Amino acid sequence: MKIIPIYDNLGVKIDELNINDEITYVDGRVSKGKNCYYKGIGVPYQYHNLMDVDGQYDIIEKSEVFYVGYKVIKKCFVGKTGIFQERYQHFFPDFIGACGVKEGPIVLNSTIFGRSSVDVLEYIEFDTENKQSYYKLNYKCNRKDYLKYGNPSKLRELIDYTIVNDWNFLWDKTSIRDISKNGLVTDVADLFISKELNHKLGSVYSVIYSLGKLDFGKYKEFIDYNNMVHIDDRSYIFNAIKLLTLNGVDVNIMLPYRDTTRAYQHLVLNYLVNGKNCAYCACDMFAPYGEQVKNIFVESVSKQFLREW
């Protein structure tokens, strides 16, 4: 039996979960039992994200993602393991260590997305007032991730599958972290279906851009396998375009300019940042906030390109 403490926002234990299993923490919100995995049964507290910081927190750093705010440590949570009644990110309702309503699509997507690595065994809502839950899961890939073990042919198979079947990743998500060594997806809650070109472009971009930024050697291996080249950061979006083309997507409407710089700026401003960002949530539950974030992206990119022109 494993007892998972639940703490209020002052760090005081107010409740607990009793899990009839031997639990080992893995990463993120995932732990492993004897015969299955669990998502949402607590974490060893390290940090979370906050927009407005006061004396209860120590600031680690300002996030590179403007709408996330600051990476912070709450002093009263330090040294504790469990579920904490404070949002991990201010715009989503998930408590630190638990799963909120935005995680719900994992149940359906795990059955209809053909390259899902996850099987949902059980869903348990333990806090009905705050709509917090946890999941019992199994992973076909045993959570062996692409960055460490991946084969470029398997990643290409996954990208091809998503394009042809209109599945999409959020464009500004580090999607490669959710992809296993054999090209299956471990976090399917953030996938959504759309035929729109901006979503298709953003989906492929999010995979290869996050791969390149987190492990350029693995990215180089992938583009070499696919006979693509990398010159500078603009190449991520042009390589995404090539992968769409190789899967029969007509991209001509997205490319009205022959000049590389103008073509790149057009793709980013009129397609990429107009796609679905992480603030929307894949199910559009937080669409108004996603629209706010999109508008800030568009404004920021527009100013940058005006300076370059």
Protein backbone atom coordinates (compact mmCIF):
# COMPACT_ATOMS: atom_id res chain seq x y z
CA MET A 1 0.00 0.00 0.00
CA LYS A 2 1.33 3.42 -0.99
CA ILE A 3 0.02 6.55 0.74
CA ILE A 4 0.11 9.70 -1.42
CA PRO A 5 -0.26 12.90 0.66
CA ILE A 6 -2.45 15.73 -0.63
CA TYR A 7 -1.32 19.19 0.49
CA ASP A 8 -3.22 22.47 0.44
CA ASN A 9 -1.66 25.62 -1.00
CA LEU A 10 0.07 26.32 2.32
CA GLY A 11 1.85 22.97 2.26
CA VAL A 12 -0.36 21.44 4.98
CA LYS A 13 -1.44 17.82 4.49
CA ILE A 14 -5.24 17.75 4.26
CA ASP A 15 -5.96 14.34 2.68
CA GLU A 16 -4.30 11.34 1.05
CA LEU A 17 -4.65 8.74 -1.69
CA ASN A 18 -4.22 5.06 -0.85
CA ILE A 19 -2.80 3.14 -3.81
CA ASN A 20 -2.76 -0.64 -3.41
CA ASP A 21 0.52 -1.13 -5.26
CA GLU A 22 4.26 -0.74 -4.97
CA ILE A 23 4.95 2.66 -6.52
CA THR A 24 8.15 4.01 -8.04
CA TYR A 25 8.24 7.56 -9.40
CA VAL A 26 9.31 7.75 -13.08
CA ASP A 27 9.09 11.33 -14.41
CA GLY A 28 6.63 14.14 -14.98
CA ARG A 29 3.36 13.02 -13.40
CA VAL A 30 4.06 9.34 -14.14
CA SER A 31 4.82 6.60 -11.62
CA LYS A 32 5.18 2.85 -12.07
CA GLY A 33 3.51 0.05 -10.15
CA LYS A 34 4.12 -3.68 -10.28
CA ASN A 35 1.91 -4.27 -13.33
CA CYS A 36 0.96 -0.83 -14.69
CA TYR A 37 1.78 2.86 -14.71
CA TYR A 38 -0.04 5.72 -12.99
CA LYS A 39 -0.42 9.30 -14.14
CA GLY A 40 -1.48 11.89 -11.59
CA ILE A 41 -0.67 10.28 -8.23
CA GLY A 42 1.81 12.92 -7.15
CA VAL A 43 5.36 14.09 -7.70
CA PRO A 44 8.44 14.89 -5.65
CA TYR A 45 8.03 18.67 -5.67
CA GLN A 46 10.73 20.50 -7.63
CA TYR A 47 9.15 23.63 -9.12
CA HIS A 48 6.11 24.93 -10.97
CA ASN A 49 5.18 27.93 -13.13
CA LEU A 50 3.60 31.21 -12.10
CA MET A 51 2.84 34.58 -13.66
CA ASP A 52 2.76 36.78 -10.53
CA VAL A 53 5.35 36.04 -7.84
CA ASP A 54 5.32 37.15 -4.20
CA GLY A 55 7.36 36.36 -1.09
CA GLN A 56 6.07 32.77 -0.86
CA TYR A 57 8.21 31.82 -3.85
CA ASP A 58 11.82 31.80 -4.99
CA ILE A 59 12.29 32.53 -8.69
CA ILE A 60 14.46 30.06 -10.58
CA GLU A 61 14.24 31.81 -13.95
CA LYS A 62 11.93 33.56 -16.33
CA SER A 63 10.46 31.11 -18.81
CA GLU A 64 11.40 31.40 -22.48
CA VAL A 65 7.68 30.89 -23.16
CA PHE A 66 6.15 34.30 -22.44
CA TYR A 67 2.72 33.03 -21.36
CA VAL A 68 4.16 30.61 -18.80
CA GLY A 69 5.70 33.36 -16.66
CA TYR A 70 8.34 32.28 -14.15
CA LYS A 71 9.70 28.93 -13.05
CA VAL A 72 9.38 29.13 -9.25
CA ILE A 73 9.85 27.16 -6.05
CA LYS A 74 7.17 27.52 -3.39
CA LYS A 75 8.96 27.48 -0.05
CA CYS A 76 6.29 25.53 1.84
CA PHE A 77 6.34 22.70 -0.74
CA VAL A 78 10.10 22.08 -0.63
CA GLY A 79 11.12 18.55 0.35
CA LYS A 80 7.60 17.12 0.03
CA THR A 81 6.19 14.48 -2.30
CA GLY A 82 2.54 14.19 -3.22
CA ILE A 83 -0.26 16.22 -4.79
CA PHE A 84 -0.28 19.97 -4.16
CA GLN A 85 -3.42 22.10 -4.42
CA GLU A 86 -1.86 24.75 -6.61
CA ARG A 87 -1.87 24.87 -10.40
CA TYR A 88 1.27 23.66 -12.12
CA GLN A 89 0.66 26.30 -14.81
CA HIS A 90 -1.61 29.23 -14.16
CA PHE A 91 -3.82 28.81 -17.24
CA PHE A 92 -4.59 25.09 -16.76
CA PRO A 93 -6.54 23.63 -13.81
CA ASP A 94 -4.21 20.68 -13.13
CA PHE A 95 -2.88 20.67 -9.57
CA ILE A 96 0.83 19.94 -9.17
CA GLY A 97 1.15 16.15 -9.43
CA ALA A 98 -2.47 15.49 -10.50
CA CYS A 99 -4.49 15.49 -13.72
CA GLY A 100 -7.20 18.06 -14.47
CA VAL A 101 -9.97 18.00 -17.04
CA LYS A 102 -7.68 18.88 -19.95
CA GLU A 103 -6.17 15.39 -19.67
CA GLY A 104 -9.54 13.83 -20.53
CA PRO A 105 -8.93 13.31 -24.28
CA ILE A 106 -6.31 10.66 -23.40
CA VAL A 107 -9.13 8.12 -22.99
CA LEU A 108 -10.64 8.48 -26.49
CA ASN A 109 -7.40 9.32 -28.29
CA SER A 110 -5.68 6.23 -26.91
CA THR A 111 -8.24 4.09 -28.75
CA ILE A 112 -8.66 5.97 -32.04
CA PHE A 113 -5.13 7.25 -32.66
CA GLY A 114 -3.43 4.43 -34.52
CA ARG A 115 0.07 5.04 -33.18
CA SER A 116 -0.77 5.45 -29.52
CA SER A 117 1.69 3.91 -27.09
CA VAL A 118 -0.72 4.21 -24.18
CA ASP A 119 -3.63 2.02 -23.08
CA VAL A 120 -5.91 3.56 -20.45
CA LEU A 121 -6.85 0.90 -17.89
CA GLU A 122 -8.81 3.03 -15.44
CA TYR A 123 -9.78 6.64 -14.70
CA ILE A 124 -10.25 7.70 -11.07
CA GLU A 125 -11.54 11.13 -10.04
CA PHE A 126 -10.40 11.55 -6.44
CA ASP A 127 -11.37 15.22 -5.98
CA THR A 128 -14.81 15.98 -7.41
CA GLU A 129 -14.86 19.57 -6.15
CA ASN A 130 -11.69 20.54 -8.01
CA LYS A 131 -12.07 17.90 -10.76
CA GLN A 132 -8.70 16.28 -10.12
CA SER A 133 -8.01 12.69 -11.15
CA TYR A 134 -5.42 10.05 -11.91
CA TYR A 135 -5.13 7.32 -14.55
CA LYS A 136 -3.93 3.73 -14.55
CA LEU A 137 -2.07 3.11 -17.80
CA ASN A 138 0.12 0.73 -19.73
CA TYR A 139 2.70 1.75 -22.34
CA LYS A 140 3.53 -0.42 -25.34
CA CYS A 141 6.95 1.22 -25.59
CA ASN A 142 7.73 0.84 -21.87
CA ARG A 143 8.41 4.62 -21.99
CA LYS A 144 11.66 4.33 -23.94
CA ASP A 145 11.87 7.76 -25.55
CA TYR A 146 12.95 8.78 -29.02
CA LEU A 147 15.63 11.21 -27.89
CA LYS A 148 17.61 8.41 -26.28
CA TYR A 149 16.78 5.34 -28.36
CA GLY A 150 14.96 6.54 -31.50
CA ASN A 151 15.17 5.24 -35.06
CA PRO A 152 14.60 7.88 -37.79
CA SER A 153 12.58 5.46 -39.91
CA LYS A 154 10.08 5.05 -37.07
CA LEU A 155 9.78 8.81 -36.59
CA ARG A 156 9.13 9.21 -40.30
CA GLU A 157 6.42 6.54 -40.08
CA LEU A 158 4.75 8.48 -37.28
CA ILE A 159 4.92 11.82 -39.12
CA ASP A 160 3.52 10.21 -42.27
CA TYR A 161 0.68 8.66 -40.28
CA THR A 162 -0.28 11.96 -38.63
CA ILE A 163 -0.26 13.86 -41.93
CA VAL A 164 -2.27 11.32 -43.90
CA ASN A 165 -4.80 10.78 -41.11
CA ASP A 166 -5.14 14.48 -40.15
CA TRP A 167 -3.79 14.12 -36.61
CA ASN A 168 -1.88 17.08 -35.23
CA PHE A 169 0.44 18.12 -32.42
CA LEU A 170 0.22 21.63 -30.94
CA TRP A 171 2.70 23.77 -32.86
CA ASP A 172 4.64 25.22 -29.89
CA LYS A 173 4.83 21.99 -27.87
CA THR A 174 8.10 20.07 -27.40
CA SER A 175 6.37 17.16 -29.10
CA ILE A 176 9.46 14.98 -29.46
CA ARG A 177 9.36 14.37 -25.69
CA ASP A 178 6.02 12.57 -26.19
CA ILE A 179 7.38 10.22 -28.87
CA SER A 180 8.85 6.81 -28.12
CA LYS A 181 11.78 5.05 -29.75
CA ASN A 182 9.45 3.13 -32.07
CA GLY A 183 7.50 6.16 -33.24
CA LEU A 184 4.52 5.80 -30.93
CA VAL A 185 3.04 8.67 -28.90
CA THR A 186 3.05 8.43 -25.10
CA ASP A 187 0.94 11.54 -24.38
CA VAL A 188 -2.00 11.41 -26.76
CA ALA A 189 -4.14 13.88 -24.75
CA ASP A 190 -2.61 16.80 -26.69
CA LEU A 191 -3.39 15.43 -30.16
CA PHE A 192 -6.26 16.77 -32.25
CA ILE A 193 -7.77 16.13 -35.69
CA SER A 194 -7.79 18.81 -38.40
CA LYS A 195 -7.29 19.03 -42.15
CA GLU A 196 -6.30 22.72 -42.01
CA LEU A 197 -2.89 23.53 -43.47
CA ASN A 198 -1.79 25.71 -40.58
CA HIS A 199 -2.35 22.83 -38.15
CA LYS A 200 -0.62 20.29 -40.40
CA LEU A 201 2.38 22.57 -40.82
CA GLY A 202 2.54 23.35 -37.11
CA SER A 203 2.26 19.70 -36.19
CA VAL A 204 5.24 18.55 -38.24
CA TYR A 205 7.18 21.66 -37.28
CA SER A 206 6.68 21.01 -33.56
CA VAL A 207 8.15 17.51 -33.88
CA ILE A 208 11.25 18.36 -35.89
CA TYR A 209 11.88 21.75 -34.25
CA SER A 210 11.77 20.28 -30.75
CA LEU A 211 13.99 17.41 -31.92
CA GLY A 212 16.56 19.83 -33.31
CA LYS A 213 16.55 22.06 -30.25
CA LEU A 214 16.82 19.21 -27.76
CA ASP A 215 19.26 16.98 -29.66
CA PHE A 216 20.64 18.37 -32.89
CA GLY A 217 22.56 15.16 -33.56
CA LYS A 218 19.34 13.12 -33.57
CA TYR A 219 17.70 15.78 -35.76
CA LYS A 220 20.64 15.61 -38.22
CA GLU A 221 20.26 11.84 -38.29
CA PHE A 222 16.58 12.26 -39.17
CA ILE A 223 17.04 14.85 -41.94
CA ASP A 224 19.93 12.85 -43.44
CA TYR A 225 17.67 9.80 -43.51
CA ASN A 226 15.06 11.85 -45.37
CA ASN A 227 17.52 13.55 -47.76
CA MET A 228 16.85 17.01 -46.34
CA VAL A 229 19.28 19.78 -45.44
CA HIS A 230 19.61 22.22 -42.56
CA ILE A 231 21.07 25.69 -43.14
CA ASP A 232 19.65 27.74 -40.26
CA ASP A 233 16.52 27.87 -38.10
CA ARG A 234 14.40 28.65 -41.15
CA SER A 235 15.11 25.11 -42.32
CA TYR A 236 12.79 23.64 -39.70
CA ILE A 237 9.74 25.09 -41.38
CA PHE A 238 10.93 24.32 -44.92
CA ASN A 239 11.69 20.72 -43.93
CA ALA A 240 8.20 20.51 -42.46
CA ILE A 241 6.85 21.71 -45.82
CA LYS A 242 8.86 19.02 -47.59
CA LEU A 243 7.42 16.30 -45.36
CA LEU A 244 3.90 17.55 -46.12
CA THR A 245 4.67 17.47 -49.84
CA LEU A 246 6.05 13.94 -49.64
CA ASN A 247 2.71 12.89 -48.18
CA GLY A 248 0.67 14.40 -50.99
CA VAL A 249 -0.35 17.65 -49.30
CA ASP A 250 -0.77 20.53 -51.77
CA VAL A 251 1.29 23.34 -50.21
CA ASN A 252 1.28 25.74 -53.18
CA ILE A 253 -1.15 28.17 -51.54
CA MET A 254 1.31 28.56 -48.65
CA LEU A 255 4.22 29.50 -50.91
CA PRO A 256 3.38 32.64 -52.92
CA TYR A 257 6.97 33.97 -52.72
CA ARG A 258 10.12 32.64 -54.40
CA ASP A 259 12.43 34.63 -52.14
CA THR A 260 13.45 32.42 -49.19
CA THR A 261 13.18 35.14 -46.56
CA ARG A 262 9.75 36.34 -47.71
CA ALA A 263 8.53 32.74 -48.01
CA TYR A 264 9.71 31.97 -44.49
CA GLN A 265 8.12 35.08 -43.00
CA HIS A 266 4.85 34.35 -44.79
CA LEU A 267 4.75 30.77 -43.50
CA VAL A 268 5.45 31.80 -39.91
CA LEU A 269 3.13 34.78 -39.74
CA ASN A 270 0.18 33.51 -41.76
CA TYR A 271 0.25 29.79 -40.96
CA LEU A 272 2.47 28.67 -38.09
CA VAL A 273 1.57 31.13 -35.32
CA ASN A 274 -2.06 31.11 -36.45
CA GLY A 275 -2.20 27.42 -35.60
CA LYS A 276 -3.22 25.90 -32.29
CA ASN A 277 -0.73 26.69 -29.50
CA CYS A 278 -0.42 24.95 -26.13
CA ALA A 279 -2.59 27.54 -24.38
CA TYR A 280 -5.64 26.36 -26.33
CA CYS A 281 -5.38 22.79 -25.09
CA ALA A 282 -5.99 20.25 -27.87
CA CYS A 283 -9.71 20.01 -27.08
CA ASP A 284 -10.17 23.82 -27.30
CA MET A 285 -11.36 23.91 -23.70
CA PHE A 286 -9.26 27.04 -23.19
CA ALA A 287 -9.73 28.56 -26.64
CA PRO A 288 -10.20 32.18 -25.44
CA TYR A 289 -6.82 32.07 -23.73
CA GLY A 290 -5.30 30.38 -26.76
CA GLU A 291 -6.61 33.23 -28.92
CA GLN A 292 -4.97 35.77 -26.62
CA VAL A 293 -1.66 33.93 -26.85
CA LYS A 294 -1.97 33.61 -30.64
CA ASN A 295 -2.54 37.35 -30.98
CA ILE A 296 0.57 38.07 -28.92
CA PHE A 297 2.58 35.66 -31.08
CA VAL A 298 1.32 37.35 -34.26
CA GLU A 299 2.09 40.83 -32.93
CA SER A 300 5.57 39.82 -31.76
CA VAL A 301 6.49 38.06 -35.01
CA SER A 302 5.12 40.93 -37.10
CA LYS A 303 7.34 43.42 -35.27
CA GLN A 304 10.36 41.17 -35.68
CA PHE A 305 9.82 40.81 -39.43
CA LEU A 306 9.25 44.55 -39.86
CA ARG A 307 12.68 45.15 -38.31
CA GLU A 308 14.20 42.60 -40.68
CA TRP A 309 12.54 44.21 -43.74
